[in-house]
Amino acid sequence: MAWSLDARIPLRLISPHLLGAALQSAPATALLVEGTELENMAAPAVFQLRFNPGGLRHKYDCNCCAGRGAAAEALDRMFQARIRSQCAWFDQVIGVVQSAEARAEVLDALAQDPLAKARFRPA
């Protein structure tokens, strides 16, 4: 019998209007928010971090030369806060994105950034 276990943190991308229902169904959730932080949520998240999409890198730039995108850096800070007990423990991340640019940057981080790819997975 073969086992398949993916211990990476699941990350789901949603629109802001779906956030209330998503947080009520999963209490131990951190938020990766495009732009400004969200307020007046129906159910609070255990941790919230924002990022401002800075545009995607040219497809031929390697990570060591082009640097990391804002979403990848935000995911790194989020993971570091989790393991250093600087925030409450969370079991999943919800990415609250409004623009196609932000969605593409988060997906690019999950696919191309070595640290984000090792720590997080698309849900």
C-alpha atoms as a PDB file:
ATOM      1  CA  MET A   1       0.000   0.000   0.000  1.00  0.00           C
ATOM      2  CA  ALA A   2       1.454   3.316  -1.063  1.00  0.00           C
ATOM      3  CA  TRP A   3       0.887   6.414   1.026  1.00  0.00           C
ATOM      4  CA  SER A   4       0.587   9.851  -0.410  1.00  0.00           C
ATOM      5  CA  LEU A   5       0.838  12.697   2.074  1.00  0.00           C
ATOM      6  CA  ASP A   6       1.222  16.340   1.135  1.00  0.00           C
ATOM      7  CA  ALA A   7       2.031  18.248   4.325  1.00  0.00           C
ATOM      8  CA  ARG A   8       2.231  21.626   2.600  1.00  0.00           C
ATOM      9  CA  ILE A   9      -0.236  24.296   3.712  1.00  0.00           C
ATOM     10  CA  PRO A  10      -3.207  24.530   1.333  1.00  0.00           C
ATOM     11  CA  LEU A  11      -3.820  27.937  -0.235  1.00  0.00           C
ATOM     12  CA  ARG A  12      -7.155  28.792  -1.832  1.00  0.00           C
ATOM     13  CA  LEU A  13      -7.820  31.948  -3.853  1.00  0.00           C
ATOM     14  CA  ILE A  14     -11.213  33.626  -3.512  1.00  0.00           C
ATOM     15  CA  SER A  15     -12.927  36.946  -4.170  1.00  0.00           C
ATOM     16  CA  PRO A  16     -13.602  39.262  -1.197  1.00  0.00           C
ATOM     17  CA  HIS A  17     -17.377  38.732  -1.288  1.00  0.00           C
ATOM     18  CA  LEU A  18     -16.904  34.987  -0.566  1.00  0.00           C
ATOM     19  CA  LEU A  19     -14.683  35.539   2.466  1.00  0.00           C
ATOM     20  CA  GLY A  20     -17.331  35.425   5.210  1.00  0.00           C
ATOM     21  CA  ALA A  21     -18.570  31.958   4.289  1.00  0.00           C
ATOM     22  CA  ALA A  22     -15.035  30.653   3.760  1.00  0.00           C
ATOM     23  CA  LEU A  23     -13.907  31.758   7.229  1.00  0.00           C
ATOM     24  CA  GLN A  24     -16.954  30.316   8.949  1.00  0.00           C
ATOM     25  CA  SER A  25     -16.288  26.891   7.446  1.00  0.00           C
ATOM     26  CA  ALA A  26     -12.580  26.860   8.415  1.00  0.00           C
ATOM     27  CA  PRO A  27     -11.687  28.607  11.687  1.00  0.00           C
ATOM     28  CA  ALA A  28      -7.880  28.111  11.713  1.00  0.00           C
ATOM     29  CA  THR A  29      -7.280  30.200   8.599  1.00  0.00           C
ATOM     30  CA  ALA A  30      -4.744  32.847   7.683  1.00  0.00           C
ATOM     31  CA  LEU A  31      -5.439  35.467   5.026  1.00  0.00           C
ATOM     32  CA  LEU A  32      -3.175  36.672   2.251  1.00  0.00           C
ATOM     33  CA  VAL A  33      -4.867  39.874   1.133  1.00  0.00           C
ATOM     34  CA  GLU A  34      -4.252  41.917  -1.989  1.00  0.00           C
ATOM     35  CA  GLY A  35      -3.923  45.620  -1.193  1.00  0.00           C
ATOM     36  CA  THR A  36      -5.247  46.865   2.125  1.00  0.00           C
ATOM     37  CA  GLU A  37      -6.223  44.723   5.074  1.00  0.00           C
ATOM     38  CA  LEU A  38      -9.822  43.660   5.376  1.00  0.00           C
ATOM     39  CA  GLU A  39     -11.995  44.914   8.189  1.00  0.00           C
ATOM     40  CA  ASN A  40     -15.467  44.064   9.455  1.00  0.00           C
ATOM     41  CA  MET A  41     -15.195  40.380   8.667  1.00  0.00           C
ATOM     42  CA  ALA A  42     -18.012  38.072   9.741  1.00  0.00           C
ATOM     43  CA  ALA A  43     -15.495  35.646  11.289  1.00  0.00           C
ATOM     44  CA  PRO A  44     -11.951  36.732  12.130  1.00  0.00           C
ATOM     45  CA  ALA A  45      -8.925  35.036  10.660  1.00  0.00           C
ATOM     46  CA  VAL A  46      -6.085  33.934  12.946  1.00  0.00           C
ATOM     47  CA  PHE A  47      -3.539  35.918  10.916  1.00  0.00           C
ATOM     48  CA  GLN A  48      -3.717  38.450   8.095  1.00  0.00           C
ATOM     49  CA  LEU A  49      -0.957  39.659   5.813  1.00  0.00           C
ATOM     50  CA  ARG A  50      -1.272  41.907   2.795  1.00  0.00           C
ATOM     51  CA  PHE A  51       0.719  42.231  -0.410  1.00  0.00           C
ATOM     52  CA  ASN A  52       0.704  44.620  -3.337  1.00  0.00           C
ATOM     53  CA  PRO A  53       1.188  42.838  -6.636  1.00  0.00           C
ATOM     54  CA  GLY A  54       4.280  44.133  -8.342  1.00  0.00           C
ATOM     55  CA  GLY A  55       3.866  42.553 -11.740  1.00  0.00           C
ATOM     56  CA  LEU A  56       5.142  39.247 -12.968  1.00  0.00           C
ATOM     57  CA  ARG A  57       8.739  38.676 -13.846  1.00  0.00           C
ATOM     58  CA  HIS A  58       9.837  38.085 -17.406  1.00  0.00           C
ATOM     59  CA  LYS A  59       9.474  34.363 -18.038  1.00  0.00           C
ATOM     60  CA  TYR A  60      13.205  33.960 -18.773  1.00  0.00           C
ATOM     61  CA  ASP A  61      14.403  35.574 -15.546  1.00  0.00           C
ATOM     62  CA  CYS A  62      15.512  33.047 -13.010  1.00  0.00           C
ATOM     63  CA  ASN A  63      14.574  33.503  -9.352  1.00  0.00           C
ATOM     64  CA  CYS A  64      18.145  34.217  -8.292  1.00  0.00           C
ATOM     65  CA  CYS A  65      18.455  37.147 -10.733  1.00  0.00           C
ATOM     66  CA  ALA A  66      14.932  38.548 -10.817  1.00  0.00           C
ATOM     67  CA  GLY A  67      14.227  38.519  -7.100  1.00  0.00           C
ATOM     68  CA  ARG A  68      11.022  37.355  -5.512  1.00  0.00           C
ATOM     69  CA  GLY A  69       7.567  38.691  -6.159  1.00  0.00           C
ATOM     70  CA  ALA A  70       5.475  40.395  -3.493  1.00  0.00           C
ATOM     71  CA  ALA A  71       3.213  37.365  -3.074  1.00  0.00           C
ATOM     72  CA  ALA A  72       6.180  35.015  -2.585  1.00  0.00           C
ATOM     73  CA  GLU A  73       7.702  37.335   0.008  1.00  0.00           C
ATOM     74  CA  ALA A  74       4.360  37.656   1.826  1.00  0.00           C
ATOM     75  CA  LEU A  75       3.968  33.867   1.910  1.00  0.00           C
ATOM     76  CA  ASP A  76       7.493  33.591   3.306  1.00  0.00           C
ATOM     77  CA  ARG A  77       6.711  36.103   6.082  1.00  0.00           C
ATOM     78  CA  MET A  78       3.473  34.251   6.812  1.00  0.00           C
ATOM     79  CA  PHE A  79       5.234  30.896   7.132  1.00  0.00           C
ATOM     80  CA  GLN A  80       7.961  32.389   9.326  1.00  0.00           C
ATOM     81  CA  ALA A  81       5.365  33.944  11.650  1.00  0.00           C
ATOM     82  CA  ARG A  82       3.650  30.560  11.936  1.00  0.00           C
ATOM     83  CA  ILE A  83       6.724  28.545  12.848  1.00  0.00           C
ATOM     84  CA  ARG A  84       8.087  31.198  15.217  1.00  0.00           C
ATOM     85  CA  SER A  85       4.765  31.373  17.112  1.00  0.00           C
ATOM     86  CA  GLN A  86       4.338  35.039  16.217  1.00  0.00           C
ATOM     87  CA  CYS A  87       0.718  34.320  15.296  1.00  0.00           C
ATOM     88  CA  ALA A  88      -1.873  31.691  16.070  1.00  0.00           C
ATOM     89  CA  TRP A  89      -1.423  28.351  14.319  1.00  0.00           C
ATOM     90  CA  PHE A  90      -3.279  28.093  11.017  1.00  0.00           C
ATOM     91  CA  ASP A  91      -4.103  25.066   8.913  1.00  0.00           C
ATOM     92  CA  GLN A  92      -4.824  26.810   5.625  1.00  0.00           C
ATOM     93  CA  VAL A  93      -4.430  30.109   3.826  1.00  0.00           C
ATOM     94  CA  ILE A  94      -7.092  31.958   1.887  1.00  0.00           C
ATOM     95  CA  GLY A  95      -5.801  34.387  -0.694  1.00  0.00           C
ATOM     96  CA  VAL A  96      -8.262  37.253  -1.072  1.00  0.00           C
ATOM     97  CA  VAL A  97      -7.602  38.695  -4.516  1.00  0.00           C
ATOM     98  CA  GLN A  98      -9.534  41.126  -6.672  1.00  0.00           C
ATOM     99  CA  SER A  99      -7.310  41.623  -9.708  1.00  0.00           C
ATOM    100  CA  ALA A 100      -6.123  39.152 -12.291  1.00  0.00           C
ATOM    101  CA  GLU A 101      -2.582  40.443 -11.704  1.00  0.00           C
ATOM    102  CA  ALA A 102      -2.687  39.482  -8.014  1.00  0.00           C
ATOM    103  CA  ARG A 103      -4.178  36.064  -8.787  1.00  0.00           C
ATOM    104  CA  ALA A 104      -1.452  35.413 -11.372  1.00  0.00           C
ATOM    105  CA  GLU A 105       1.278  36.521  -8.967  1.00  0.00           C
ATOM    106  CA  VAL A 106       0.105  34.165  -6.211  1.00  0.00           C
ATOM    107  CA  LEU A 107      -0.189  31.264  -8.650  1.00  0.00           C
ATOM    108  CA  ASP A 108       3.260  32.109 -10.038  1.00  0.00           C
ATOM    109  CA  ALA A 109       4.701  32.024  -6.515  1.00  0.00           C
ATOM    110  CA  LEU A 110       3.156  28.601  -5.882  1.00  0.00           C
ATOM    111  CA  ALA A 111       4.537  27.264  -9.158  1.00  0.00           C
ATOM    112  CA  GLN A 112       7.927  28.994  -9.456  1.00  0.00           C
ATOM    113  CA  ASP A 113       9.208  30.237  -6.085  1.00  0.00           C
ATOM    114  CA  PRO A 114      11.187  27.427  -4.416  1.00  0.00           C
ATOM    115  CA  LEU A 115      10.248  28.373  -0.845  1.00  0.00           C
ATOM    116  CA  ALA A 116       6.572  29.027  -1.527  1.00  0.00           C
ATOM    117  CA  LYS A 117       6.379  25.839  -3.582  1.00  0.00           C
ATOM    118  CA  ALA A 118       7.891  23.799  -0.727  1.00  0.00           C
ATOM    119  CA  ARG A 119       5.619  25.275   1.977  1.00  0.00           C
ATOM    120  CA  PHE A 120       2.278  25.884   0.269  1.00  0.00           C
ATOM    121  CA  ARG A 121       0.121  24.064  -2.266  1.00  0.00           C
ATOM    122  CA  PRO A 122      -2.941  25.072  -4.262  1.00  0.00           C
ATOM    123  CA  ALA A 123      -6.088  23.862  -2.511  1.00  0.00           C
END
